[in-house]
Amino acid sequence: MKSTVLTTLTTYFRESYEEFKRVTWPTRNKAIKLCGIVLSFVLVSAIFVAILDYGFNMGYQYLLNIR
């Protein structure tokens, strides 16, 4: 059983390495541009969620103060 696991792992890593060599990597400029797009989207999403959180918090506080 031990040799089967070792053989399977060895085969997996060998095939992964071969696949890794076939990957088409982006250029440095393309990677920077894509990273900027992702970070911008994350920032806009975080601001949107923060505004929603603030609005829900204000509504909740308003409901708690109604008597």
PDB file of N, CA and C in Angstrom:
ATOM      1  N   MET A   1       0.820  -1.187   0.000  1.00  0.00           N
ATOM      2  CA  MET A   1       0.000   0.000   0.000  1.00  0.00           C
ATOM      3  C   MET A   1       0.868   1.256   0.000  1.00  0.00           C
ATOM      4  N   LYS A   2       1.965   1.229   0.750  1.00  0.00           N
ATOM      5  CA  LYS A   2       2.819   2.398   0.853  1.00  0.00           C
ATOM      6  C   LYS A   2       3.421   2.768  -0.501  1.00  0.00           C
ATOM      7  N   SER A   3       3.824   1.787  -1.275  1.00  0.00           N
ATOM      8  CA  SER A   3       4.411   2.082  -2.573  1.00  0.00           C
ATOM      9  C   SER A   3       3.352   2.593  -3.549  1.00  0.00           C
ATOM     10  N   THR A   4       2.112   2.160  -3.387  1.00  0.00           N
ATOM     11  CA  THR A   4       1.029   2.643  -4.247  1.00  0.00           C
ATOM     12  C   THR A   4       0.787   4.126  -3.999  1.00  0.00           C
ATOM     13  N   VAL A   5       0.773   4.519  -2.745  1.00  0.00           N
ATOM     14  CA  VAL A   5       0.581   5.923  -2.406  1.00  0.00           C
ATOM     15  C   VAL A   5       1.749   6.749  -2.922  1.00  0.00           C
ATOM     16  N   LEU A   6       2.954   6.250  -2.737  1.00  0.00           N
ATOM     17  CA  LEU A   6       4.148   6.958  -3.197  1.00  0.00           C
ATOM     18  C   LEU A   6       4.151   7.081  -4.719  1.00  0.00           C
ATOM     19  N   THR A   7       3.774   6.024  -5.401  1.00  0.00           N
ATOM     20  CA  THR A   7       3.717   6.052  -6.864  1.00  0.00           C
ATOM     21  C   THR A   7       2.657   7.046  -7.335  1.00  0.00           C
ATOM     22  N   THR A   8       1.515   7.042  -6.688  1.00  0.00           N
ATOM     23  CA  THR A   8       0.437   7.959  -7.050  1.00  0.00           C
ATOM     24  C   THR A   8       0.864   9.405  -6.841  1.00  0.00           C
ATOM     25  N   LEU A   9       1.486   9.684  -5.718  1.00  0.00           N
ATOM     26  CA  LEU A   9       1.958  11.040  -5.444  1.00  0.00           C
ATOM     27  C   LEU A   9       3.034  11.475  -6.436  1.00  0.00           C
ATOM     28  N   THR A  10       3.950  10.586  -6.731  1.00  0.00           N
ATOM     29  CA  THR A  10       5.004  10.900  -7.686  1.00  0.00           C
ATOM     30  C   THR A  10       4.415  11.202  -9.058  1.00  0.00           C
ATOM     31  N   THR A  11       3.484  10.394  -9.481  1.00  0.00           N
ATOM     32  CA  THR A  11       2.818  10.617 -10.772  1.00  0.00           C
ATOM     33  C   THR A  11       2.078  11.953 -10.767  1.00  0.00           C
ATOM     34  N   TYR A  12       1.389  12.249  -9.702  1.00  0.00           N
ATOM     35  CA  TYR A  12       0.641  13.506  -9.589  1.00  0.00           C
ATOM     36  C   TYR A  12       1.577  14.704  -9.734  1.00  0.00           C
ATOM     37  N   PHE A  13       2.678  14.693  -8.979  1.00  0.00           N
ATOM     38  CA  PHE A  13       3.595  15.826  -9.031  1.00  0.00           C
ATOM     39  C   PHE A  13       4.304  15.919 -10.377  1.00  0.00           C
ATOM     40  N   ARG A  14       4.614  14.817 -10.990  1.00  0.00           N
ATOM     41  CA  ARG A  14       5.250  14.830 -12.303  1.00  0.00           C
ATOM     42  C   ARG A  14       4.297  15.431 -13.345  1.00  0.00           C
ATOM     43  N   GLU A  15       3.045  14.994 -13.338  1.00  0.00           N
ATOM     44  CA  GLU A  15       2.059  15.517 -14.282  1.00  0.00           C
ATOM     45  C   GLU A  15       1.756  16.988 -14.005  1.00  0.00           C
ATOM     46  N   SER A  16       1.729  17.366 -12.733  1.00  0.00           N
ATOM     47  CA  SER A  16       1.498  18.776 -12.384  1.00  0.00           C
ATOM     48  C   SER A  16       2.629  19.644 -12.913  1.00  0.00           C
ATOM     49  N   TYR A  17       3.854  19.181 -12.780  1.00  0.00           N
ATOM     50  CA  TYR A  17       5.000  19.930 -13.272  1.00  0.00           C
ATOM     51  C   TYR A  17       4.935  20.090 -14.795  1.00  0.00           C
ATOM     52  N   GLU A  18       4.568  19.035 -15.495  1.00  0.00           N
ATOM     53  CA  GLU A  18       4.444  19.106 -16.957  1.00  0.00           C
ATOM     54  C   GLU A  18       3.352  20.100 -17.358  1.00  0.00           C
ATOM     55  N   GLU A  19       2.251  20.079 -16.661  1.00  0.00           N
ATOM     56  CA  GLU A  19       1.160  21.016 -16.950  1.00  0.00           C
ATOM     57  C   GLU A  19       1.600  22.444 -16.633  1.00  0.00           C
ATOM     58  N   PHE A  20       2.340  22.617 -15.582  1.00  0.00           N
ATOM     59  CA  PHE A  20       2.839  23.918 -15.163  1.00  0.00           C
ATOM     60  C   PHE A  20       3.719  24.539 -16.245  1.00  0.00           C
ATOM     61  N   LYS A  21       4.482  23.727 -16.947  1.00  0.00           N
ATOM     62  CA  LYS A  21       5.359  24.233 -18.003  1.00  0.00           C
ATOM     63  C   LYS A  21       4.558  24.685 -19.225  1.00  0.00           C
ATOM     64  N   ARG A  22       3.341  24.163 -19.400  1.00  0.00           N
ATOM     65  CA  ARG A  22       2.530  24.515 -20.568  1.00  0.00           C
ATOM     66  C   ARG A  22       1.683  25.767 -20.362  1.00  0.00           C
ATOM     67  N   VAL A  23       1.701  26.317 -19.156  1.00  0.00           N
ATOM     68  CA  VAL A  23       0.885  27.494 -18.863  1.00  0.00           C
ATOM     69  C   VAL A  23       1.432  28.700 -19.607  1.00  0.00           C
ATOM     70  N   THR A  24       0.541  29.502 -20.174  1.00  0.00           N
ATOM     71  CA  THR A  24       0.936  30.745 -20.811  1.00  0.00           C
ATOM     72  C   THR A  24       0.811  31.848 -19.771  1.00  0.00           C
ATOM     73  N   TRP A  25       1.938  32.354 -19.313  1.00  0.00           N
ATOM     74  CA  TRP A  25       1.943  33.357 -18.254  1.00  0.00           C
ATOM     75  C   TRP A  25       1.751  34.746 -18.848  1.00  0.00           C
ATOM     76  N   PRO A  26       1.025  35.624 -18.136  1.00  0.00           N
ATOM     77  CA  PRO A  26       0.851  36.986 -18.648  1.00  0.00           C
ATOM     78  C   PRO A  26       2.149  37.777 -18.524  1.00  0.00           C
ATOM     79  N   THR A  27       2.234  38.825 -19.337  1.00  0.00           N
ATOM     80  CA  THR A  27       3.399  39.703 -19.229  1.00  0.00           C
ATOM     81  C   THR A  27       3.303  40.494 -17.920  1.00  0.00           C
ATOM     82  N   ARG A  28       4.398  41.109 -17.556  1.00  0.00           N
ATOM     83  CA  ARG A  28       4.423  41.886 -16.305  1.00  0.00           C
ATOM     84  C   ARG A  28       3.382  43.005 -16.348  1.00  0.00           C
ATOM     85  N   ASN A  29       3.319  43.739 -17.468  1.00  0.00           N
ATOM     86  CA  ASN A  29       2.363  44.841 -17.582  1.00  0.00           C
ATOM     87  C   ASN A  29       0.923  44.351 -17.512  1.00  0.00           C
ATOM     88  N   LYS A  30       0.646  43.238 -18.161  1.00  0.00           N
ATOM     89  CA  LYS A  30      -0.700  42.671 -18.143  1.00  0.00           C
ATOM     90  C   LYS A  30      -1.066  42.237 -16.721  1.00  0.00           C
ATOM     91  N   ALA A  31      -0.128  41.614 -16.010  1.00  0.00           N
ATOM     92  CA  ALA A  31      -0.385  41.176 -14.639  1.00  0.00           C
ATOM     93  C   ALA A  31      -0.655  42.373 -13.729  1.00  0.00           C
ATOM     94  N   ILE A  32       0.106  43.451 -13.901  1.00  0.00           N
ATOM     95  CA  ILE A  32      -0.106  44.657 -13.089  1.00  0.00           C
ATOM     96  C   ILE A  32      -1.468  45.261 -13.389  1.00  0.00           C
ATOM     97  N   LYS A  33      -1.839  45.312 -14.664  1.00  0.00           N
ATOM     98  CA  LYS A  33      -3.133  45.871 -15.050  1.00  0.00           C
ATOM     99  C   LYS A  33      -4.278  45.038 -14.465  1.00  0.00           C
ATOM    100  N   LEU A  34      -4.181  43.722 -14.569  1.00  0.00           N
ATOM    101  CA  LEU A  34      -5.225  42.853 -14.029  1.00  0.00           C
ATOM    102  C   LEU A  34      -5.312  42.954 -12.505  1.00  0.00           C
ATOM    103  N   CYS A  35      -4.166  43.077 -11.859  1.00  0.00           N
ATOM    104  CA  CYS A  35      -4.130  43.235 -10.400  1.00  0.00           C
ATOM    105  C   CYS A  35      -4.822  44.535 -10.000  1.00  0.00           C
ATOM    106  N   GLY A  36      -4.579  45.600 -10.759  1.00  0.00           N
ATOM    107  CA  GLY A  36      -5.243  46.884 -10.494  1.00  0.00           C
ATOM    108  C   GLY A  36      -6.748  46.789 -10.651  1.00  0.00           C
ATOM    109  N   ILE A  37      -7.195  46.069 -11.670  1.00  0.00           N
ATOM    110  CA  ILE A  37      -8.631  45.890 -11.881  1.00  0.00           C
ATOM    111  C   ILE A  37      -9.248  45.139 -10.706  1.00  0.00           C
ATOM    112  N   VAL A  38      -8.606  44.085 -10.270  1.00  0.00           N
ATOM    113  CA  VAL A  38      -9.125  43.293  -9.152  1.00  0.00           C
ATOM    114  C   VAL A  38      -9.165  44.128  -7.875  1.00  0.00           C
ATOM    115  N   LEU A  39      -8.085  44.846  -7.584  1.00  0.00           N
ATOM    116  CA  LEU A  39      -8.050  45.666  -6.375  1.00  0.00           C
ATOM    117  C   LEU A  39      -9.102  46.777  -6.416  1.00  0.00           C
ATOM    118  N   SER A  40      -9.323  47.365  -7.588  1.00  0.00           N
ATOM    119  CA  SER A  40     -10.359  48.391  -7.728  1.00  0.00           C
ATOM    120  C   SER A  40     -11.734  47.808  -7.460  1.00  0.00           C
ATOM    121  N   PHE A  41     -12.000  46.651  -8.023  1.00  0.00           N
ATOM    122  CA  PHE A  41     -13.295  46.003  -7.818  1.00  0.00           C
ATOM    123  C   PHE A  41     -13.507  45.666  -6.345  1.00  0.00           C
ATOM    124  N   VAL A  42     -12.472  45.181  -5.684  1.00  0.00           N
ATOM    125  CA  VAL A  42     -12.568  44.849  -4.261  1.00  0.00           C
ATOM    126  C   VAL A  42     -12.835  46.111  -3.444  1.00  0.00           C
ATOM    127  N   LEU A  43     -12.162  47.206  -3.770  1.00  0.00           N
ATOM    128  CA  LEU A  43     -12.360  48.460  -3.048  1.00  0.00           C
ATOM    129  C   LEU A  43     -13.782  48.987  -3.228  1.00  0.00           C
ATOM    130  N   VAL A  44     -14.278  48.980  -4.449  1.00  0.00           N
ATOM    131  CA  VAL A  44     -15.646  49.439  -4.707  1.00  0.00           C
ATOM    132  C   VAL A  44     -16.650  48.544  -3.984  1.00  0.00           C
ATOM    133  N   SER A  45     -16.428  47.248  -4.013  1.00  0.00           N
ATOM    134  CA  SER A  45     -17.332  46.323  -3.316  1.00  0.00           C
ATOM    135  C   SER A  45     -17.305  46.562  -1.805  1.00  0.00           C
ATOM    136  N   ALA A  46     -16.126  46.809  -1.250  1.00  0.00           N
ATOM    137  CA  ALA A  46     -16.005  47.059   0.190  1.00  0.00           C
ATOM    138  C   ALA A  46     -16.728  48.347   0.573  1.00  0.00           C
ATOM    139  N   ILE A  47     -16.601  49.376  -0.241  1.00  0.00           N
ATOM    140  CA  ILE A  47     -17.305  50.637   0.034  1.00  0.00           C
ATOM    141  C   ILE A  47     -18.811  50.428  -0.036  1.00  0.00           C
ATOM    142  N   PHE A  48     -19.275  49.685  -1.029  1.00  0.00           N
ATOM    143  CA  PHE A  48     -20.704  49.401  -1.171  1.00  0.00           C
ATOM    144  C   PHE A  48     -21.238  48.651   0.052  1.00  0.00           C
ATOM    145  N   VAL A  49     -20.516  47.643   0.503  1.00  0.00           N
ATOM    146  CA  VAL A  49     -20.943  46.865   1.670  1.00  0.00           C
ATOM    147  C   VAL A  49     -20.909  47.742   2.925  1.00  0.00           C
ATOM    148  N   ALA A  50     -19.915  48.612   3.043  1.00  0.00           N
ATOM    149  CA  ALA A  50     -19.835  49.510   4.199  1.00  0.00           C
ATOM    150  C   ALA A  50     -21.021  50.467   4.227  1.00  0.00           C
ATOM    151  N   ILE A  51     -21.420  50.983   3.071  1.00  0.00           N
ATOM    152  CA  ILE A  51     -22.583  51.877   3.002  1.00  0.00           C
ATOM    153  C   ILE A  51     -23.851  51.121   3.385  1.00  0.00           C
ATOM    154  N   LEU A  52     -24.009  49.909   2.872  1.00  0.00           N
ATOM    155  CA  LEU A  52     -25.170  49.098   3.257  1.00  0.00           C
ATOM    156  C   LEU A  52     -25.178  48.825   4.761  1.00  0.00           C
ATOM    157  N   ASP A  53     -24.040  48.490   5.313  1.00  0.00           N
ATOM    158  CA  ASP A  53     -23.924  48.212   6.742  1.00  0.00           C
ATOM    159  C   ASP A  53     -24.306  49.441   7.552  1.00  0.00           C
ATOM    160  N   TYR A  54     -23.797  50.588   7.138  1.00  0.00           N
ATOM    161  CA  TYR A  54     -24.120  51.828   7.843  1.00  0.00           C
ATOM    162  C   TYR A  54     -25.620  52.108   7.780  1.00  0.00           C
ATOM    163  N   GLY A  55     -26.212  51.936   6.600  1.00  0.00           N
ATOM    164  CA  GLY A  55     -27.658  52.168   6.442  1.00  0.00           C
ATOM    165  C   GLY A  55     -28.484  51.226   7.296  1.00  0.00           C
ATOM    166  N   PHE A  56     -28.153  49.957   7.285  1.00  0.00           N
ATOM    167  CA  PHE A  56     -28.889  49.000   8.115  1.00  0.00           C
ATOM    168  C   PHE A  56     -28.696  49.292   9.600  1.00  0.00           C
ATOM    169  N   ASN A  57     -27.500  49.708   9.979  1.00  0.00           N
ATOM    170  CA  ASN A  57     -27.226  50.046  11.371  1.00  0.00           C
ATOM    171  C   ASN A  57     -28.067  51.254  11.798  1.00  0.00           C
ATOM    172  N   MET A  58     -28.146  52.270  10.956  1.00  0.00           N
ATOM    173  CA  MET A  58     -28.956  53.451  11.278  1.00  0.00           C
ATOM    174  C   MET A  58     -30.434  53.063  11.389  1.00  0.00           C
ATOM    175  N   GLY A  59     -30.906  52.230  10.487  1.00  0.00           N
ATOM    176  CA  GLY A  59     -32.302  51.772  10.554  1.00  0.00           C
ATOM    177  C   GLY A  59     -32.572  50.977  11.811  1.00  0.00           C
ATOM    178  N   TYR A  60     -31.652  50.126  12.190  1.00  0.00           N
ATOM    179  CA  TYR A  60     -31.796  49.324  13.402  1.00  0.00           C
ATOM    180  C   TYR A  60     -31.799  50.210  14.643  1.00  0.00           C
ATOM    181  N   GLN A  61     -30.882  51.191  14.671  1.00  0.00           N
ATOM    182  CA  GLN A  61     -30.831  52.114  15.806  1.00  0.00           C
ATOM    183  C   GLN A  61     -32.117  52.927  15.908  1.00  0.00           C
ATOM    184  N   TYR A  62     -32.664  53.337  14.763  1.00  0.00           N
ATOM    185  CA  TYR A  62     -33.921  54.084  14.732  1.00  0.00           C
ATOM    186  C   TYR A  62     -35.059  53.233  15.312  1.00  0.00           C
ATOM    187  N   LEU A  63     -35.117  51.967  14.909  1.00  0.00           N
ATOM    188  CA  LEU A  63     -36.159  51.080  15.406  1.00  0.00           C
ATOM    189  C   LEU A  63     -36.030  50.827  16.903  1.00  0.00           C
ATOM    190  N   LEU A  64     -34.813  50.765  17.410  1.00  0.00           N
ATOM    191  CA  LEU A  64     -34.613  50.561  18.836  1.00  0.00           C
ATOM    192  C   LEU A  64     -35.043  51.761  19.665  1.00  0.00           C
ATOM    193  N   ASN A  65     -34.951  52.972  19.095  1.00  0.00           N
ATOM    194  CA  ASN A  65     -35.287  54.181  19.830  1.00  0.00           C
ATOM    195  C   ASN A  65     -36.767  54.543  19.740  1.00  0.00           C
ATOM    196  N   ILE A  66     -37.535  53.848  18.933  1.00  0.00           N
ATOM    197  CA  ILE A  66     -38.986  54.100  18.852  1.00  0.00           C
ATOM    198  C   ILE A  66     -39.645  53.455  20.057  1.00  0.00           C
ATOM    199  N   ARG A  67     -40.443  54.239  20.759  1.00  0.00           N
ATOM    200  CA  ARG A  67     -41.178  53.690  21.916  1.00  0.00           C
ATOM    201  C   ARG A  67     -42.584  54.120  21.889  1.00  0.00           C
TER     202      ARG A  67
END
